PDB file of N, CA and C in Angstrom:
ATOM      1  N   MET A   1      92.543  96.512  39.250  1.00  0.00           N
ATOM      2  CA  MET A   1      91.528  96.282  38.217  1.00  0.00           C
ATOM      3  C   MET A   1      92.187  96.290  36.991  1.00  0.00           C
ATOM      4  N   ALA A   2      91.788  95.029  35.847  1.00  0.00           N
ATOM      5  CA  ALA A   2      92.348  95.111  34.506  1.00  0.00           C
ATOM      6  C   ALA A   2      91.895  96.321  33.721  1.00  0.00           C
ATOM      7  N   GLN A   3      92.455  96.484  32.826  1.00  0.00           N
ATOM      8  CA  GLN A   3      92.481  97.661  32.193  1.00  0.00           C
ATOM      9  C   GLN A   3      91.001  97.000  30.834  1.00  0.00           C
ATOM     10  N   ASP A   4      90.934  96.065  30.831  1.00  0.00           N
ATOM     11  CA  ASP A   4      89.670  95.461  29.914  1.00  0.00           C
ATOM     12  C   ASP A   4      88.892  94.769  30.494  1.00  0.00           C
ATOM     13  N   VAL A   5      88.366  95.844  31.638  1.00  0.00           N
ATOM     14  CA  VAL A   5      86.763  95.269  32.296  1.00  0.00           C
ATOM     15  C   VAL A   5      86.148  96.466  32.542  1.00  0.00           C
ATOM     16  N   TYR A   6      84.893  96.270  32.124  1.00  0.00           N
ATOM     17  CA  TYR A   6      83.684  97.116  32.180  1.00  0.00           C
ATOM     18  C   TYR A   6      82.804  97.108  33.639  1.00  0.00           C
ATOM     19  N   ARG A   7      82.650  98.501  33.993  1.00  0.00           N
ATOM     20  CA  ARG A   7      81.929  98.513  35.421  1.00  0.00           C
ATOM     21  C   ARG A   7      80.122  98.684  35.012  1.00  0.00           C
ATOM     22  N   VAL A   8      79.597  97.817  34.939  1.00  0.00           N
ATOM     23  CA  VAL A   8      77.929  97.880  34.825  1.00  0.00           C
ATOM     24  C   VAL A   8      77.531  98.558  36.041  1.00  0.00           C
ATOM     25  N   ARG A   9      76.624  99.669  35.561  1.00  0.00           N
ATOM     26  CA  ARG A   9      75.847 100.152  36.754  1.00  0.00           C
ATOM     27  C   ARG A   9      74.472 100.196  36.630  1.00  0.00           C
ATOM     28  N   GLU A  10      73.809  99.807  35.582  1.00  0.00           N
ATOM     29  CA  GLU A  10      72.634  99.786  35.249  1.00  0.00           C
ATOM     30  C   GLU A  10      72.192  98.619  34.195  1.00  0.00           C
ATOM     31  N   GLN A  11      71.071  98.190  33.868  1.00  0.00           N
ATOM     32  CA  GLN A  11      70.824  97.181  32.841  1.00  0.00           C
ATOM     33  C   GLN A  11      69.636  97.708  31.920  1.00  0.00           C
ATOM     34  N   ILE A  12      69.126  97.173  31.017  1.00  0.00           N
ATOM     35  CA  ILE A  12      68.123  97.713  30.204  1.00  0.00           C
ATOM     36  C   ILE A  12      67.003  96.785  30.687  1.00  0.00           C
ATOM     37  N   HIS A  13      65.466  97.293  31.239  1.00  0.00           N
ATOM     38  CA  HIS A  13      64.811  96.563  31.708  1.00  0.00           C
ATOM     39  C   HIS A  13      64.238  95.864  30.323  1.00  0.00           C
ATOM     40  N   SER A  14      63.920  94.391  30.244  1.00  0.00           N
ATOM     41  CA  SER A  14      63.345  93.738  29.234  1.00  0.00           C
ATOM     42  C   SER A  14      62.210  94.009  28.564  1.00  0.00           C
ATOM     43  N   SER A  15      61.373  94.344  29.775  1.00  0.00           N
ATOM     44  CA  SER A  15      60.030  94.774  28.971  1.00  0.00           C
ATOM     45  C   SER A  15      59.666  96.481  28.699  1.00  0.00           C
ATOM     46  N   THR A  16      60.373  97.361  29.424  1.00  0.00           N
ATOM     47  CA  THR A  16      60.245  98.471  29.010  1.00  0.00           C
ATOM     48  C   THR A  16      61.201  98.931  28.241  1.00  0.00           C
ATOM     49  N   LEU A  17      62.668  98.282  28.019  1.00  0.00           N
ATOM     50  CA  LEU A  17      63.471  98.826  27.391  1.00  0.00           C
ATOM     51  C   LEU A  17      64.150 100.208  27.718  1.00  0.00           C
ATOM     52  N   ARG A  18      64.060 100.313  29.154  1.00  0.00           N
ATOM     53  CA  ARG A  18      64.793 101.752  29.916  1.00  0.00           C
ATOM     54  C   ARG A  18      65.772 101.261  30.882  1.00  0.00           C
ATOM     55  N   PRO A  19      66.680 102.122  31.085  1.00  0.00           N
ATOM     56  CA  PRO A  19      67.648 101.620  32.117  1.00  0.00           C
ATOM     57  C   PRO A  19      66.798 101.409  33.614  1.00  0.00           C
ATOM     58  N   ALA A  20      67.465 100.502  34.083  1.00  0.00           N
ATOM     59  CA  ALA A  20      66.790  99.915  35.324  1.00  0.00           C
ATOM     60  C   ALA A  20      68.026  99.372  36.404  1.00  0.00           C
ATOM     61  N   LYS A  21      68.075  99.461  37.426  1.00  0.00           N
ATOM     62  CA  LYS A  21      69.163  99.135  38.527  1.00  0.00           C
ATOM     63  C   LYS A  21      69.353  97.583  38.124  1.00  0.00           C
ATOM     64  N   LEU A  22      70.311  97.243  38.608  1.00  0.00           N
ATOM     65  CA  LEU A  22      70.867  95.707  38.430  1.00  0.00           C
ATOM     66  C   LEU A  22      70.163  94.955  39.469  1.00  0.00           C
ATOM     67  N   LYS A  23      70.011  93.902  38.791  1.00  0.00           N
ATOM     68  CA  LYS A  23      69.244  92.901  39.795  1.00  0.00           C
ATOM     69  C   LYS A  23      70.484  92.282  40.798  1.00  0.00           C
ATOM     70  N   HIS A  24      69.825  91.907  41.916  1.00  0.00           N
ATOM     71  CA  HIS A  24      70.577  91.424  42.907  1.00  0.00           C
ATOM     72  C   HIS A  24      71.931  92.286  43.631  1.00  0.00           C
ATOM     73  N   ARG A  25      71.638  93.658  43.118  1.00  0.00           N
ATOM     74  CA  ARG A  25      72.639  94.793  43.730  1.00  0.00           C
ATOM     75  C   ARG A  25      71.867  95.844  44.427  1.00  0.00           C
ATOM     76  N   LYS A  26      72.699  96.192  45.577  1.00  0.00           N
ATOM     77  CA  LYS A  26      72.090  97.690  46.184  1.00  0.00           C
ATOM     78  C   LYS A  26      72.405  98.558  45.240  1.00  0.00           C
ATOM     79  N   LEU A  27      71.258  99.743  45.405  1.00  0.00           N
ATOM     80  CA  LEU A  27      71.931 101.145  44.966  1.00  0.00           C
ATOM     81  C   LEU A  27      73.319 101.434  44.908  1.00  0.00           C
ATOM     82  N   GLY A  28      73.861 101.984  44.014  1.00  0.00           N
ATOM     83  CA  GLY A  28      75.277 102.208  43.714  1.00  0.00           C
ATOM     84  C   GLY A  28      76.506 100.992  43.741  1.00  0.00           C
ATOM     85  N   GLU A  29      76.016 100.189  43.856  1.00  0.00           N
ATOM     86  CA  GLU A  29      76.705  98.886  43.566  1.00  0.00           C
ATOM     87  C   GLU A  29      77.018  98.693  41.814  1.00  0.00           C
ATOM     88  N   PHE A  30      77.885  97.911  41.746  1.00  0.00           N
ATOM     89  CA  PHE A  30      78.117  97.508  40.093  1.00  0.00           C
ATOM     90  C   PHE A  30      78.675  96.059  40.165  1.00  0.00           C
ATOM     91  N   ARG A  31      78.572  95.629  38.885  1.00  0.00           N
ATOM     92  CA  ARG A  31      79.338  94.424  38.522  1.00  0.00           C
ATOM     93  C   ARG A  31      80.378  94.530  37.386  1.00  0.00           C
ATOM     94  N   GLU A  32      81.379  94.068  37.470  1.00  0.00           N
ATOM     95  CA  GLU A  32      82.307  94.129  36.232  1.00  0.00           C
ATOM     96  C   GLU A  32      82.513  92.773  35.413  1.00  0.00           C
ATOM     97  N   VAL A  33      82.488  93.275  34.006  1.00  0.00           N
ATOM     98  CA  VAL A  33      82.458  92.341  33.124  1.00  0.00           C
ATOM     99  C   VAL A  33      83.673  92.496  32.107  1.00  0.00           C
ATOM    100  N   PRO A  34      83.945  91.714  31.591  1.00  0.00           N
ATOM    101  CA  PRO A  34      85.289  91.379  30.797  1.00  0.00           C
ATOM    102  C   PRO A  34      84.546  92.495  29.504  1.00  0.00           C
ATOM    103  N   LEU A  35      85.548  93.291  29.055  1.00  0.00           N
ATOM    104  CA  LEU A  35      85.410  93.897  27.727  1.00  0.00           C
ATOM    105  C   LEU A  35      86.389  93.723  26.676  1.00  0.00           C
ATOM    106  N   PRO A  36      86.041  92.923  25.710  1.00  0.00           N
ATOM    107  CA  PRO A  36      87.016  92.653  24.611  1.00  0.00           C
ATOM    108  C   PRO A  36      87.555  93.781  24.147  1.00  0.00           C
ATOM    109  N   ARG A  37      89.016  93.573  23.823  1.00  0.00           N
ATOM    110  CA  ARG A  37      90.093  94.604  23.520  1.00  0.00           C
ATOM    111  C   ARG A  37      89.592  95.396  22.203  1.00  0.00           C
ATOM    112  N   SER A  38      88.844  94.696  21.085  1.00  0.00           N
ATOM    113  CA  SER A  38      88.482  95.265  20.019  1.00  0.00           C
ATOM    114  C   SER A  38      87.065  96.116  20.498  1.00  0.00           C
ATOM    115  N   VAL A  39      86.574  95.848  21.289  1.00  0.00           N
ATOM    116  CA  VAL A  39      85.276  96.688  21.847  1.00  0.00           C
ATOM    117  C   VAL A  39      85.967  98.100  22.500  1.00  0.00           C
ATOM    118  N   ARG A  40      86.813  97.916  23.284  1.00  0.00           N
ATOM    119  CA  ARG A  40      87.671  99.389  23.967  1.00  0.00           C
ATOM    120  C   ARG A  40      88.066  99.873  22.885  1.00  0.00           C
ATOM    121  N   GLU A  41      88.783  99.287  22.123  1.00  0.00           N
ATOM    122  CA  GLU A  41      89.243 100.179  20.846  1.00  0.00           C
ATOM    123  C   GLU A  41      88.296 101.173  20.051  1.00  0.00           C
ATOM    124  N   ALA A  42      87.150 100.297  19.893  1.00  0.00           N
ATOM    125  CA  ALA A  42      86.289 100.926  19.006  1.00  0.00           C
ATOM    126  C   ALA A  42      85.569 102.027  19.792  1.00  0.00           C
ATOM    127  N   ILE A  43      85.451 102.000  21.264  1.00  0.00           N
ATOM    128  CA  ILE A  43      84.940 102.979  22.032  1.00  0.00           C
ATOM    129  C   ILE A  43      85.845 104.241  22.106  1.00  0.00           C
ATOM    130  N   GLU A  44      87.200 104.125  22.115  1.00  0.00           N
ATOM    131  CA  GLU A  44      88.368 105.059  21.997  1.00  0.00           C
ATOM    132  C   GLU A  44      88.237 105.816  20.973  1.00  0.00           C
ATOM    133  N   ARG A  45      88.145 104.852  19.321  1.00  0.00           N
ATOM    134  CA  ARG A  45      87.913 105.767  18.236  1.00  0.00           C
ATOM    135  C   ARG A  45      86.626 106.570  18.142  1.00  0.00           C
ATOM    136  N   TYR A  46      85.530 105.983  18.884  1.00  0.00           N
ATOM    137  CA  TYR A  46      84.563 106.796  18.562  1.00  0.00           C
ATOM    138  C   TYR A  46      84.592 108.092  19.424  1.00  0.00           C
ATOM    139  N   GLU A  47      85.149 107.740  20.807  1.00  0.00           N
ATOM    140  CA  GLU A  47      85.379 109.011  21.698  1.00  0.00           C
ATOM    141  C   GLU A  47      86.388 110.083  20.884  1.00  0.00           C
ATOM    142  N   ALA A  48      87.473 109.566  20.259  1.00  0.00           N
ATOM    143  CA  ALA A  48      88.130 110.458  19.608  1.00  0.00           C
ATOM    144  C   ALA A  48      87.693 111.407  18.559  1.00  0.00           C
ATOM    145  N   ASN A  49      86.965 110.761  17.751  1.00  0.00           N
ATOM    146  CA  ASN A  49      86.073 111.671  16.464  1.00  0.00           C
ATOM    147  C   ASN A  49      84.791 112.462  17.132  1.00  0.00           C
ATOM    148  N   VAL A  50      84.157 112.152  18.315  1.00  0.00           N
ATOM    149  CA  VAL A  50      83.294 112.934  18.990  1.00  0.00           C
ATOM    150  C   VAL A  50      83.841 114.109  19.431  1.00  0.00           C
ATOM    151  N   ALA A  51      84.932 114.049  19.870  1.00  0.00           N
ATOM    152  CA  ALA A  51      85.722 115.158  20.625  1.00  0.00           C
ATOM    153  C   ALA A  51      86.333 116.564  19.652  1.00  0.00           C
ATOM    154  N   LEU A  52      86.045 115.648  18.595  1.00  0.00           N
ATOM    155  CA  LEU A  52      86.305 116.939  17.443  1.00  0.00           C
ATOM    156  C   LEU A  52      85.675 118.089  17.501  1.00  0.00           C
TER     157      LEU A  52
END
Protein backbone atom coordinates (compact mmCIF):
# COMPACT_ATOMS: atom_id res chain seq x y z
CA MET A 1 0.00 0.00 0.00
CA ALA A 2 1.21 3.50 -0.75
CA GLN A 3 2.21 5.62 2.21
CA ASP A 4 -0.10 8.48 1.24
CA VAL A 5 -3.34 6.48 1.34
CA TYR A 6 -5.95 6.74 4.07
CA ARG A 7 -8.27 3.87 4.99
CA VAL A 8 -11.79 5.16 5.56
CA ARG A 9 -13.85 2.91 7.81
CA GLU A 10 -16.89 5.14 8.41
CA GLN A 11 -18.47 8.29 7.05
CA ILE A 12 -20.51 11.15 8.45
CA HIS A 13 -24.22 10.72 7.82
CA SER A 14 -25.54 13.72 5.87
CA SER A 15 -28.68 14.30 7.95
CA THR A 16 -27.59 13.28 11.46
CA LEU A 17 -23.97 14.50 11.14
CA ARG A 18 -22.90 11.42 13.11
CA PRO A 19 -20.52 8.61 12.14
CA ALA A 20 -22.16 5.88 10.07
CA LYS A 21 -21.09 2.76 8.21
CA LEU A 22 -19.79 3.18 4.69
CA LYS A 23 -22.27 2.92 1.86
CA HIS A 24 -21.97 -0.22 -0.25
CA ARG A 25 -19.55 -1.85 2.22
CA LYS A 26 -19.99 -4.69 4.69
CA LEU A 27 -19.21 -4.18 8.37
CA GLY A 28 -15.44 -4.11 8.84
CA GLU A 29 -14.67 -3.20 5.23
CA PHE A 30 -13.00 0.05 4.22
CA ARG A 31 -12.11 2.09 1.20
CA GLU A 32 -8.74 3.61 0.46
CA VAL A 33 -8.52 7.24 -0.60
CA PRO A 34 -5.52 9.34 -1.57
CA LEU A 35 -4.12 11.47 1.23
CA PRO A 36 -2.26 14.56 0.04
CA ARG A 37 1.25 14.78 1.48
CA SER A 38 0.49 18.19 3.02
CA VAL A 39 -2.44 16.71 4.93
CA ARG A 40 -0.35 13.77 6.17
CA GLU A 41 2.36 16.16 7.33
CA ALA A 42 -0.20 18.34 9.15
CA ILE A 43 -1.58 15.26 10.93
CA GLU A 44 1.96 14.22 11.94
CA ARG A 45 2.69 17.73 13.31
CA TYR A 46 -0.56 17.68 15.26
CA GLU A 47 0.18 14.21 16.64
CA ALA A 48 3.67 15.31 17.73
CA ASN A 49 2.26 18.33 19.58
CA VAL A 50 -0.51 16.35 21.29
CA ALA A 51 2.01 13.77 22.54
CA LEU A 52 3.82 16.46 24.54
